[in-house]
Amino acid sequence: MKTRIFRVKGNFMMGEKLQPFTKELKAIKKEEVYEKIYSEFGSKHGIGRNRIYIKSIEEISPDEVEDPILKAILEA
């Protein structure tokens, strides 16, 4: 199966404030992206899934990647 790149936009509750986020991830299918986002925010910020609001998930081409770490992985 081919790995694709997705750009995820949404918000999460940090205390009483709603914080926007944009994240680029590699995944095989769109459903996998949800799990990665929930897992990452839960482990890094201690946020429950019910406090993460995903607005959009779109597949992007390698040329559109802005994340420097993901860009370096793709170029390797």
N, C-alpha and C. Protein backbone atom coordinates (compact mmCIF):
# COMPACT_ATOMS: atom_id res chain seq x y z
N MET A 1 0.84 -1.19 0.00
CA MET A 1 0.00 0.00 0.00
C MET A 1 0.88 1.25 0.00
N LYS A 2 0.38 2.26 -0.64
CA LYS A 2 1.15 3.50 -0.78
C LYS A 2 0.81 4.48 0.34
N THR A 3 1.86 5.06 0.91
CA THR A 3 1.68 6.08 1.95
C THR A 3 1.33 7.40 1.30
N ARG A 4 0.35 8.08 1.86
CA ARG A 4 -0.07 9.37 1.35
C ARG A 4 0.17 10.43 2.42
N ILE A 5 0.12 11.68 2.03
CA ILE A 5 0.34 12.80 2.96
C ILE A 5 -0.96 13.56 3.13
N PHE A 6 -1.29 13.85 4.38
CA PHE A 6 -2.52 14.55 4.70
C PHE A 6 -2.22 15.80 5.52
N ARG A 7 -3.00 16.85 5.27
CA ARG A 7 -2.93 18.08 6.08
C ARG A 7 -4.22 18.13 6.91
N VAL A 8 -4.04 18.23 8.22
CA VAL A 8 -5.17 18.24 9.15
C VAL A 8 -5.26 19.62 9.78
N LYS A 9 -6.48 20.18 9.80
CA LYS A 9 -6.72 21.47 10.44
C LYS A 9 -7.82 21.29 11.47
N GLY A 10 -7.68 21.98 12.59
CA GLY A 10 -8.69 21.89 13.62
C GLY A 10 -8.35 22.75 14.82
N ASN A 11 -9.00 22.45 15.94
CA ASN A 11 -8.79 23.17 17.19
C ASN A 11 -8.74 22.16 18.33
N PHE A 12 -8.11 22.58 19.44
CA PHE A 12 -8.15 21.77 20.65
C PHE A 12 -8.26 22.69 21.86
N MET A 13 -8.89 22.19 22.90
CA MET A 13 -9.07 22.98 24.11
C MET A 13 -7.83 22.84 24.98
N MET A 14 -7.17 23.95 25.25
CA MET A 14 -6.02 23.99 26.15
C MET A 14 -6.44 24.88 27.31
N GLY A 15 -6.84 24.25 28.40
CA GLY A 15 -7.40 25.00 29.51
C GLY A 15 -8.77 25.50 29.10
N GLU A 16 -8.95 26.81 29.13
CA GLU A 16 -10.23 27.43 28.74
C GLU A 16 -10.19 28.00 27.33
N LYS A 17 -9.02 27.91 26.67
CA LYS A 17 -8.87 28.51 25.34
C LYS A 17 -8.89 27.46 24.25
N LEU A 18 -9.48 27.83 23.13
CA LEU A 18 -9.51 26.99 21.94
C LEU A 18 -8.29 27.35 21.09
N GLN A 19 -7.38 26.41 20.88
CA GLN A 19 -6.16 26.65 20.14
C GLN A 19 -6.26 26.03 18.74
N PRO A 20 -5.99 26.79 17.69
CA PRO A 20 -6.01 26.21 16.34
C PRO A 20 -4.73 25.41 16.08
N PHE A 21 -4.82 24.44 15.19
CA PHE A 21 -3.63 23.69 14.79
C PHE A 21 -3.74 23.28 13.32
N THR A 22 -2.57 23.13 12.71
CA THR A 22 -2.44 22.55 11.38
C THR A 22 -1.30 21.55 11.47
N LYS A 23 -1.54 20.34 11.04
CA LYS A 23 -0.56 19.27 11.17
C LYS A 23 -0.51 18.48 9.87
N GLU A 24 0.69 18.11 9.44
CA GLU A 24 0.85 17.28 8.25
C GLU A 24 1.37 15.92 8.69
N LEU A 25 0.72 14.87 8.19
CA LEU A 25 1.05 13.51 8.59
C LEU A 25 1.10 12.58 7.39
N LYS A 26 1.91 11.52 7.53
CA LYS A 26 1.91 10.44 6.54
C LYS A 26 1.01 9.34 7.05
N ALA A 27 0.18 8.80 6.17
CA ALA A 27 -0.71 7.70 6.54
C ALA A 27 -1.12 6.96 5.27
N ILE A 28 -1.62 5.76 5.47
CA ILE A 28 -2.08 4.97 4.34
C ILE A 28 -3.51 5.35 3.98
N LYS A 29 -4.35 5.56 4.99
CA LYS A 29 -5.73 5.95 4.74
C LYS A 29 -6.18 7.03 5.71
N LYS A 30 -7.24 7.71 5.35
CA LYS A 30 -7.74 8.86 6.11
C LYS A 30 -8.09 8.50 7.56
N GLU A 31 -8.66 7.32 7.78
CA GLU A 31 -9.06 6.90 9.12
C GLU A 31 -7.86 6.82 10.06
N GLU A 32 -6.71 6.48 9.52
CA GLU A 32 -5.48 6.38 10.30
C GLU A 32 -5.05 7.75 10.84
N VAL A 33 -5.37 8.80 10.10
CA VAL A 33 -5.00 10.17 10.49
C VAL A 33 -5.70 10.56 11.78
N TYR A 34 -6.98 10.21 11.92
CA TYR A 34 -7.71 10.52 13.15
C TYR A 34 -7.00 9.93 14.36
N GLU A 35 -6.63 8.67 14.28
CA GLU A 35 -5.96 8.01 15.40
C GLU A 35 -4.63 8.67 15.72
N LYS A 36 -3.87 9.02 14.69
CA LYS A 36 -2.57 9.65 14.92
C LYS A 36 -2.72 11.01 15.61
N ILE A 37 -3.70 11.80 15.19
CA ILE A 37 -3.92 13.12 15.80
C ILE A 37 -4.33 12.95 17.26
N TYR A 38 -5.32 12.11 17.52
CA TYR A 38 -5.78 11.90 18.90
C TYR A 38 -4.65 11.38 19.79
N SER A 39 -3.87 10.46 19.28
CA SER A 39 -2.78 9.88 20.03
C SER A 39 -1.69 10.91 20.33
N GLU A 40 -1.31 11.67 19.32
CA GLU A 40 -0.24 12.66 19.48
C GLU A 40 -0.62 13.78 20.45
N PHE A 41 -1.81 14.33 20.29
CA PHE A 41 -2.23 15.41 21.19
C PHE A 41 -2.45 14.89 22.60
N GLY A 42 -2.94 13.66 22.71
CA GLY A 42 -3.14 13.06 24.03
C GLY A 42 -1.82 12.86 24.76
N SER A 43 -0.81 12.39 24.06
CA SER A 43 0.47 12.12 24.72
C SER A 43 1.28 13.40 24.96
N LYS A 44 1.26 14.33 24.03
CA LYS A 44 2.07 15.56 24.18
C LYS A 44 1.42 16.58 25.11
N HIS A 45 0.09 16.69 25.04
CA HIS A 45 -0.59 17.75 25.77
C HIS A 45 -1.53 17.23 26.86
N GLY A 46 -1.70 15.91 26.94
CA GLY A 46 -2.59 15.34 27.95
C GLY A 46 -4.05 15.71 27.71
N ILE A 47 -4.43 15.79 26.45
CA ILE A 47 -5.79 16.21 26.07
C ILE A 47 -6.61 14.99 25.69
N GLY A 48 -7.83 14.92 26.18
CA GLY A 48 -8.73 13.84 25.82
C GLY A 48 -9.28 14.04 24.41
N ARG A 49 -9.72 12.96 23.80
CA ARG A 49 -10.24 13.00 22.43
C ARG A 49 -11.44 13.94 22.29
N ASN A 50 -12.23 14.06 23.34
CA ASN A 50 -13.41 14.92 23.26
C ASN A 50 -13.07 16.40 23.30
N ARG A 51 -11.81 16.74 23.46
CA ARG A 51 -11.37 18.15 23.45
C ARG A 51 -10.59 18.51 22.19
N ILE A 52 -10.57 17.60 21.22
CA ILE A 52 -9.88 17.82 19.94
C ILE A 52 -10.94 17.85 18.85
N TYR A 53 -10.96 18.93 18.09
CA TYR A 53 -11.97 19.13 17.05
C TYR A 53 -11.28 19.21 15.69
N ILE A 54 -11.41 18.18 14.89
CA ILE A 54 -10.80 18.14 13.56
C ILE A 54 -11.78 18.75 12.57
N LYS A 55 -11.36 19.84 11.90
CA LYS A 55 -12.22 20.53 10.94
C LYS A 55 -12.09 19.94 9.54
N SER A 56 -10.85 19.65 9.13
CA SER A 56 -10.67 19.13 7.78
C SER A 56 -9.42 18.26 7.69
N ILE A 57 -9.51 17.29 6.80
CA ILE A 57 -8.36 16.43 6.47
C ILE A 57 -8.33 16.39 4.95
N GLU A 58 -7.21 16.86 4.38
CA GLU A 58 -7.10 16.84 2.92
C GLU A 58 -5.79 16.19 2.51
N GLU A 59 -5.84 15.42 1.45
CA GLU A 59 -4.64 14.81 0.92
C GLU A 59 -3.88 15.87 0.12
N ILE A 60 -2.56 15.93 0.33
CA ILE A 60 -1.74 16.91 -0.37
C ILE A 60 -0.61 16.19 -1.10
N SER A 61 -0.04 16.87 -2.06
CA SER A 61 1.09 16.30 -2.81
C SER A 61 2.39 16.59 -2.04
N PRO A 62 3.44 15.82 -2.30
CA PRO A 62 4.72 16.07 -1.63
C PRO A 62 5.25 17.49 -1.86
N ASP A 63 4.88 18.12 -2.97
CA ASP A 63 5.33 19.49 -3.25
C ASP A 63 4.68 20.51 -2.33
N GLU A 64 3.52 20.19 -1.77
CA GLU A 64 2.78 21.12 -0.92
C GLU A 64 3.16 21.04 0.56
N VAL A 65 4.01 20.09 0.93
CA VAL A 65 4.38 19.89 2.33
C VAL A 65 5.15 21.10 2.85
N GLU A 66 4.73 21.60 4.02
CA GLU A 66 5.39 22.74 4.66
C GLU A 66 6.18 22.35 5.90
N ASP A 67 5.83 21.24 6.53
CA ASP A 67 6.50 20.76 7.73
C ASP A 67 7.94 20.37 7.39
N PRO A 68 8.94 21.04 7.99
CA PRO A 68 10.34 20.76 7.63
C PRO A 68 10.78 19.33 7.93
N ILE A 69 10.27 18.72 8.98
CA ILE A 69 10.65 17.35 9.32
C ILE A 69 10.09 16.38 8.30
N LEU A 70 8.82 16.53 7.98
CA LEU A 70 8.19 15.66 6.98
C LEU A 70 8.84 15.87 5.61
N LYS A 71 9.18 17.11 5.30
CA LYS A 71 9.84 17.41 4.02
C LYS A 71 11.19 16.70 3.93
N ALA A 72 11.94 16.69 5.03
CA ALA A 72 13.25 16.02 5.05
C ALA A 72 13.09 14.51 4.89
N ILE A 73 12.06 13.94 5.50
CA ILE A 73 11.80 12.50 5.38
C ILE A 73 11.47 12.16 3.93
N LEU A 74 10.69 12.99 3.28
CA LEU A 74 10.29 12.72 1.90
C LEU A 74 11.47 12.84 0.93
N GLU A 75 12.42 13.72 1.24
CA GLU A 75 13.55 13.93 0.35
C GLU A 75 14.64 12.89 0.55
N ALA A 76 14.60 12.17 1.66
CA ALA A 76 15.64 11.17 1.96
C ALA A 76 15.52 9.96 1.07
